[in-house]
Amino acid sequence: MNQDIIQGKWKQLKGSMKAQWGKLTDDDLDRLEGNQDYLSGKLQERYGWAKDKADEEVKRFQKNLH
């Protein structure tokens, strides 16, 4: 999914992310605004995951959006 589509559907995506990763705060999601690197970093921080695991989770989430 490209950046324009992500930004256009941001409110819907925030709800999906909150459902999948409940440890992310609303503030985290407000700051995210479609930035994959920020999301990966926040997942590492909130869940204690390694970078590879967080990146894989983000990719899996994006794949499921299609």
PDB file of N, CA and C in Angstrom:
ATOM      1  N   MET A   1       0.860  -1.167   0.000  1.00  0.00           N
ATOM      2  CA  MET A   1       0.000   0.000   0.000  1.00  0.00           C
ATOM      3  C   MET A   1       0.901   1.223   0.000  1.00  0.00           C
ATOM      4  N   ASN A   2       0.648   2.154  -0.912  1.00  0.00           N
ATOM      5  CA  ASN A   2       1.553   3.301  -0.981  1.00  0.00           C
ATOM      6  C   ASN A   2       1.192   4.371   0.051  1.00  0.00           C
ATOM      7  N   GLN A   3       2.093   5.304   0.200  1.00  0.00           N
ATOM      8  CA  GLN A   3       1.988   6.332   1.240  1.00  0.00           C
ATOM      9  C   GLN A   3       0.728   7.182   1.104  1.00  0.00           C
ATOM     10  N   ASP A   4       0.306   7.514  -0.122  1.00  0.00           N
ATOM     11  CA  ASP A   4      -0.895   8.332  -0.321  1.00  0.00           C
ATOM     12  C   ASP A   4      -2.143   7.610   0.168  1.00  0.00           C
ATOM     13  N   ILE A   5      -2.231   6.320  -0.119  1.00  0.00           N
ATOM     14  CA  ILE A   5      -3.386   5.537   0.318  1.00  0.00           C
ATOM     15  C   ILE A   5      -3.395   5.425   1.837  1.00  0.00           C
ATOM     16  N   ILE A   6      -2.228   5.190   2.415  1.00  0.00           N
ATOM     17  CA  ILE A   6      -2.126   5.094   3.877  1.00  0.00           C
ATOM     18  C   ILE A   6      -2.608   6.381   4.524  1.00  0.00           C
ATOM     19  N   GLN A   7      -2.160   7.510   4.030  1.00  0.00           N
ATOM     20  CA  GLN A   7      -2.565   8.782   4.621  1.00  0.00           C
ATOM     21  C   GLN A   7      -4.053   9.051   4.414  1.00  0.00           C
ATOM     22  N   GLY A   8      -4.601   8.631   3.277  1.00  0.00           N
ATOM     23  CA  GLY A   8      -6.014   8.839   3.005  1.00  0.00           C
ATOM     24  C   GLY A   8      -6.923   8.009   3.895  1.00  0.00           C
ATOM     25  N   LYS A   9      -6.463   6.854   4.312  1.00  0.00           N
ATOM     26  CA  LYS A   9      -7.262   5.945   5.135  1.00  0.00           C
ATOM     27  C   LYS A   9      -6.752   5.893   6.574  1.00  0.00           C
ATOM     28  N   TRP A  10      -6.086   6.930   6.989  1.00  0.00           N
ATOM     29  CA  TRP A  10      -5.381   6.898   8.264  1.00  0.00           C
ATOM     30  C   TRP A  10      -6.274   6.570   9.454  1.00  0.00           C
ATOM     31  N   LYS A  11      -7.449   7.168   9.542  1.00  0.00           N
ATOM     32  CA  LYS A  11      -8.309   6.924  10.710  1.00  0.00           C
ATOM     33  C   LYS A  11      -8.742   5.464  10.790  1.00  0.00           C
ATOM     34  N   GLN A  12      -9.049   4.867   9.642  1.00  0.00           N
ATOM     35  CA  GLN A  12      -9.417   3.455   9.634  1.00  0.00           C
ATOM     36  C   GLN A  12      -8.237   2.589  10.038  1.00  0.00           C
ATOM     37  N   LEU A  13      -7.070   2.929   9.529  1.00  0.00           N
ATOM     38  CA  LEU A  13      -5.870   2.146   9.837  1.00  0.00           C
ATOM     39  C   LEU A  13      -5.502   2.241  11.314  1.00  0.00           C
ATOM     40  N   LYS A  14      -5.696   3.409  11.905  1.00  0.00           N
ATOM     41  CA  LYS A  14      -5.392   3.567  13.327  1.00  0.00           C
ATOM     42  C   LYS A  14      -6.200   2.590  14.167  1.00  0.00           C
ATOM     43  N   GLY A  15      -7.469   2.429  13.827  1.00  0.00           N
ATOM     44  CA  GLY A  15      -8.314   1.491  14.560  1.00  0.00           C
ATOM     45  C   GLY A  15      -7.825   0.056  14.419  1.00  0.00           C
ATOM     46  N   SER A  16      -7.411  -0.301  13.211  1.00  0.00           N
ATOM     47  CA  SER A  16      -6.898  -1.653  12.976  1.00  0.00           C
ATOM     48  C   SER A  16      -5.601  -1.885  13.733  1.00  0.00           C
ATOM     49  N   MET A  17      -4.734  -0.885  13.755  1.00  0.00           N
ATOM     50  CA  MET A  17      -3.462  -1.012  14.476  1.00  0.00           C
ATOM     51  C   MET A  17      -3.697  -1.123  15.971  1.00  0.00           C
ATOM     52  N   LYS A  18      -4.625  -0.339  16.478  1.00  0.00           N
ATOM     53  CA  LYS A  18      -4.929  -0.376  17.907  1.00  0.00           C
ATOM     54  C   LYS A  18      -5.484  -1.750  18.294  1.00  0.00           C
ATOM     55  N   ALA A  19      -6.289  -2.328  17.403  1.00  0.00           N
ATOM     56  CA  ALA A  19      -6.834  -3.662  17.675  1.00  0.00           C
ATOM     57  C   ALA A  19      -5.738  -4.724  17.653  1.00  0.00           C
ATOM     58  N   GLN A  20      -4.796  -4.604  16.732  1.00  0.00           N
ATOM     59  CA  GLN A  20      -3.727  -5.596  16.616  1.00  0.00           C
ATOM     60  C   GLN A  20      -2.666  -5.420  17.687  1.00  0.00           C
ATOM     61  N   TRP A  21      -2.288  -4.192  17.946  1.00  0.00           N
ATOM     62  CA  TRP A  21      -1.217  -3.899  18.897  1.00  0.00           C
ATOM     63  C   TRP A  21      -1.758  -2.980  19.990  1.00  0.00           C
ATOM     64  N   GLY A  22      -2.465  -3.546  20.924  1.00  0.00           N
ATOM     65  CA  GLY A  22      -3.132  -2.781  21.969  1.00  0.00           C
ATOM     66  C   GLY A  22      -2.215  -1.996  22.881  1.00  0.00           C
ATOM     67  N   LYS A  23      -0.938  -2.329  22.896  1.00  0.00           N
ATOM     68  CA  LYS A  23      -0.001  -1.593  23.747  1.00  0.00           C
ATOM     69  C   LYS A  23       0.386  -0.245  23.158  1.00  0.00           C
ATOM     70  N   LEU A  24       0.063  -0.009  21.880  1.00  0.00           N
ATOM     71  CA  LEU A  24       0.326   1.295  21.290  1.00  0.00           C
ATOM     72  C   LEU A  24      -0.708   2.282  21.822  1.00  0.00           C
ATOM     73  N   THR A  25      -0.255   3.447  22.200  1.00  0.00           N
ATOM     74  CA  THR A  25      -1.159   4.464  22.725  1.00  0.00           C
ATOM     75  C   THR A  25      -1.732   5.293  21.579  1.00  0.00           C
ATOM     76  N   ASP A  26      -2.784   6.036  21.884  1.00  0.00           N
ATOM     77  CA  ASP A  26      -3.345   6.950  20.887  1.00  0.00           C
ATOM     78  C   ASP A  26      -2.305   7.984  20.475  1.00  0.00           C
ATOM     79  N   ASP A  27      -1.490   8.422  21.425  1.00  0.00           N
ATOM     80  CA  ASP A  27      -0.423   9.374  21.123  1.00  0.00           C
ATOM     81  C   ASP A  27       0.586   8.765  20.150  1.00  0.00           C
ATOM     82  N   ASP A  28       0.953   7.496  20.351  1.00  0.00           N
ATOM     83  CA  ASP A  28       1.853   6.798  19.426  1.00  0.00           C
ATOM     84  C   ASP A  28       1.270   6.825  18.021  1.00  0.00           C
ATOM     85  N   LEU A  29      -0.001   6.473  17.918  1.00  0.00           N
ATOM     86  CA  LEU A  29      -0.644   6.390  16.611  1.00  0.00           C
ATOM     87  C   LEU A  29      -0.801   7.767  15.966  1.00  0.00           C
ATOM     88  N   ASP A  30      -1.058   8.798  16.774  1.00  0.00           N
ATOM     89  CA  ASP A  30      -1.158  10.163  16.228  1.00  0.00           C
ATOM     90  C   ASP A  30       0.176  10.622  15.659  1.00  0.00           C
ATOM     91  N   ARG A  31       1.255  10.254  16.304  1.00  0.00           N
ATOM     92  CA  ARG A  31       2.587  10.643  15.832  1.00  0.00           C
ATOM     93  C   ARG A  31       3.054   9.814  14.651  1.00  0.00           C
ATOM     94  N   LEU A  32       2.533   8.623  14.540  1.00  0.00           N
ATOM     95  CA  LEU A  32       2.952   7.694  13.495  1.00  0.00           C
ATOM     96  C   LEU A  32       2.687   8.218  12.096  1.00  0.00           C
ATOM     97  N   GLU A  33       1.443   8.604  11.819  1.00  0.00           N
ATOM     98  CA  GLU A  33       1.042   9.158  10.521  1.00  0.00           C
ATOM     99  C   GLU A  33       1.622   8.402   9.330  1.00  0.00           C
ATOM    100  N   GLY A  34       1.615   7.074   9.378  1.00  0.00           N
ATOM    101  CA  GLY A  34       2.051   6.272   8.240  1.00  0.00           C
ATOM    102  C   GLY A  34       3.541   6.008   8.143  1.00  0.00           C
ATOM    103  N   ASN A  35       4.317   6.419   9.126  1.00  0.00           N
ATOM    104  CA  ASN A  35       5.765   6.232   9.107  1.00  0.00           C
ATOM    105  C   ASN A  35       6.115   4.828   9.610  1.00  0.00           C
ATOM    106  N   GLN A  36       6.545   3.965   8.694  1.00  0.00           N
ATOM    107  CA  GLN A  36       6.877   2.577   9.036  1.00  0.00           C
ATOM    108  C   GLN A  36       7.993   2.475  10.056  1.00  0.00           C
ATOM    109  N   ASP A  37       9.010   3.286   9.916  1.00  0.00           N
ATOM    110  CA  ASP A  37      10.146   3.209  10.836  1.00  0.00           C
ATOM    111  C   ASP A  37       9.721   3.576  12.257  1.00  0.00           C
ATOM    112  N   TYR A  38       8.863   4.582  12.381  1.00  0.00           N
ATOM    113  CA  TYR A  38       8.376   4.981  13.701  1.00  0.00           C
ATOM    114  C   TYR A  38       7.534   3.857  14.307  1.00  0.00           C
ATOM    115  N   LEU A  39       6.663   3.246  13.485  1.00  0.00           N
ATOM    116  CA  LEU A  39       5.837   2.144  13.965  1.00  0.00           C
ATOM    117  C   LEU A  39       6.710   0.991  14.433  1.00  0.00           C
ATOM    118  N   SER A  40       7.681   0.621  13.642  1.00  0.00           N
ATOM    119  CA  SER A  40       8.588  -0.463  14.008  1.00  0.00           C
ATOM    120  C   SER A  40       9.292  -0.151  15.327  1.00  0.00           C
ATOM    121  N   GLY A  41       9.762   1.071  15.467  1.00  0.00           N
ATOM    122  CA  GLY A  41      10.434   1.481  16.701  1.00  0.00           C
ATOM    123  C   GLY A  41       9.521   1.425  17.906  1.00  0.00           C
ATOM    124  N   LYS A  42       8.276   1.854  17.731  1.00  0.00           N
ATOM    125  CA  LYS A  42       7.328   1.824  18.845  1.00  0.00           C
ATOM    126  C   LYS A  42       6.968   0.389  19.225  1.00  0.00           C
ATOM    127  N   LEU A  43       6.854  -0.490  18.229  1.00  0.00           N
ATOM    128  CA  LEU A  43       6.592  -1.892  18.537  1.00  0.00           C
ATOM    129  C   LEU A  43       7.758  -2.504  19.310  1.00  0.00           C
ATOM    130  N   GLN A  44       8.971  -2.139  18.935  1.00  0.00           N
ATOM    131  CA  GLN A  44      10.146  -2.617  19.673  1.00  0.00           C
ATOM    132  C   GLN A  44      10.078  -2.138  21.117  1.00  0.00           C
ATOM    133  N   GLU A  45       9.746  -0.880  21.278  1.00  0.00           N
ATOM    134  CA  GLU A  45       9.707  -0.274  22.607  1.00  0.00           C
ATOM    135  C   GLU A  45       8.595  -0.862  23.473  1.00  0.00           C
ATOM    136  N   ARG A  46       7.388  -0.961  22.925  1.00  0.00           N
ATOM    137  CA  ARG A  46       6.229  -1.403  23.699  1.00  0.00           C
ATOM    138  C   ARG A  46       6.213  -2.905  23.973  1.00  0.00           C
ATOM    139  N   TYR A  47       6.707  -3.690  23.010  1.00  0.00           N
ATOM    140  CA  TYR A  47       6.629  -5.141  23.148  1.00  0.00           C
ATOM    141  C   TYR A  47       7.969  -5.801  23.456  1.00  0.00           C
ATOM    142  N   GLY A  48       9.059  -5.053  23.419  1.00  0.00           N
ATOM    143  CA  GLY A  48      10.371  -5.625  23.695  1.00  0.00           C
ATOM    144  C   GLY A  48      10.887  -6.515  22.573  1.00  0.00           C
ATOM    145  N   TRP A  49      10.399  -6.278  21.363  1.00  0.00           N
ATOM    146  CA  TRP A  49      10.804  -7.082  20.218  1.00  0.00           C
ATOM    147  C   TRP A  49      12.104  -6.582  19.621  1.00  0.00           C
ATOM    148  N   ALA A  50      12.828  -7.480  18.972  1.00  0.00           N
ATOM    149  CA  ALA A  50      14.000  -7.099  18.181  1.00  0.00           C
ATOM    150  C   ALA A  50      13.522  -6.371  16.932  1.00  0.00           C
ATOM    151  N   LYS A  51      14.422  -5.624  16.311  1.00  0.00           N
ATOM    152  CA  LYS A  51      14.078  -4.855  15.115  1.00  0.00           C
ATOM    153  C   LYS A  51      13.516  -5.755  14.021  1.00  0.00           C
ATOM    154  N   ASP A  52      14.129  -6.897  13.800  1.00  0.00           N
ATOM    155  CA  ASP A  52      13.657  -7.814  12.758  1.00  0.00           C
ATOM    156  C   ASP A  52      12.218  -8.266  13.008  1.00  0.00           C
ATOM    157  N   LYS A  53      11.903  -8.595  14.239  1.00  0.00           N
ATOM    158  CA  LYS A  53      10.547  -9.033  14.598  1.00  0.00           C
ATOM    159  C   LYS A  53       9.543  -7.901  14.375  1.00  0.00           C
ATOM    160  N   ALA A  54       9.885  -6.694  14.804  1.00  0.00           N
ATOM    161  CA  ALA A  54       8.988  -5.553  14.626  1.00  0.00           C
ATOM    162  C   ALA A  54       8.774  -5.243  13.148  1.00  0.00           C
ATOM    163  N   ASP A  55       9.853  -5.283  12.364  1.00  0.00           N
ATOM    164  CA  ASP A  55       9.736  -5.036  10.919  1.00  0.00           C
ATOM    165  C   ASP A  55       8.847  -6.082  10.259  1.00  0.00           C
ATOM    166  N   GLU A  56       8.986  -7.330  10.667  1.00  0.00           N
ATOM    167  CA  GLU A  56       8.167  -8.408  10.115  1.00  0.00           C
ATOM    168  C   GLU A  56       6.689  -8.207  10.464  1.00  0.00           C
ATOM    169  N   GLU A  57       6.416  -7.792  11.683  1.00  0.00           N
ATOM    170  CA  GLU A  57       5.034  -7.522  12.097  1.00  0.00           C
ATOM    171  C   GLU A  57       4.413  -6.404  11.254  1.00  0.00           C
ATOM    172  N   VAL A  58       5.176  -5.355  10.996  1.00  0.00           N
ATOM    173  CA  VAL A  58       4.690  -4.239  10.170  1.00  0.00           C
ATOM    174  C   VAL A  58       4.417  -4.729   8.751  1.00  0.00           C
ATOM    175  N   LYS A  59       5.329  -5.509   8.197  1.00  0.00           N
ATOM    176  CA  LYS A  59       5.135  -6.041   6.841  1.00  0.00           C
ATOM    177  C   LYS A  59       3.904  -6.942   6.779  1.00  0.00           C
ATOM    178  N   ARG A  60       3.711  -7.772   7.785  1.00  0.00           N
ATOM    179  CA  ARG A  60       2.551  -8.664   7.827  1.00  0.00           C
ATOM    180  C   ARG A  60       1.267  -7.855   7.898  1.00  0.00           C
ATOM    181  N   PHE A  61       1.267  -6.797   8.707  1.00  0.00           N
ATOM    182  CA  PHE A  61       0.093  -5.930   8.817  1.00  0.00           C
ATOM    183  C   PHE A  61      -0.228  -5.297   7.472  1.00  0.00           C
ATOM    184  N   GLN A  62       0.801  -4.786   6.798  1.00  0.00           N
ATOM    185  CA  GLN A  62       0.598  -4.160   5.493  1.00  0.00           C
ATOM    186  C   GLN A  62       0.081  -5.163   4.469  1.00  0.00           C
ATOM    187  N   LYS A  63       0.610  -6.359   4.502  1.00  0.00           N
ATOM    188  CA  LYS A  63       0.189  -7.400   3.554  1.00  0.00           C
ATOM    189  C   LYS A  63      -1.284  -7.735   3.755  1.00  0.00           C
ATOM    190  N   ASN A  64      -1.735  -7.766   5.002  1.00  0.00           N
ATOM    191  CA  ASN A  64      -3.129  -8.077   5.296  1.00  0.00           C
ATOM    192  C   ASN A  64      -4.083  -6.967   4.918  1.00  0.00           C
ATOM    193  N   LEU A  65      -3.569  -5.782   4.640  1.00  0.00           N
ATOM    194  CA  LEU A  65      -4.421  -4.660   4.226  1.00  0.00           C
ATOM    195  C   LEU A  65      -4.858  -4.788   2.770  1.00  0.00           C
ATOM    196  N   HIS A  66      -4.106  -5.522   1.996  1.00  0.00           N
ATOM    197  CA  HIS A  66      -4.403  -5.625   0.565  1.00  0.00           C
ATOM    198  C   HIS A  66      -5.604  -6.463   0.303  1.00  0.00           C
TER     199      HIS A  66
END
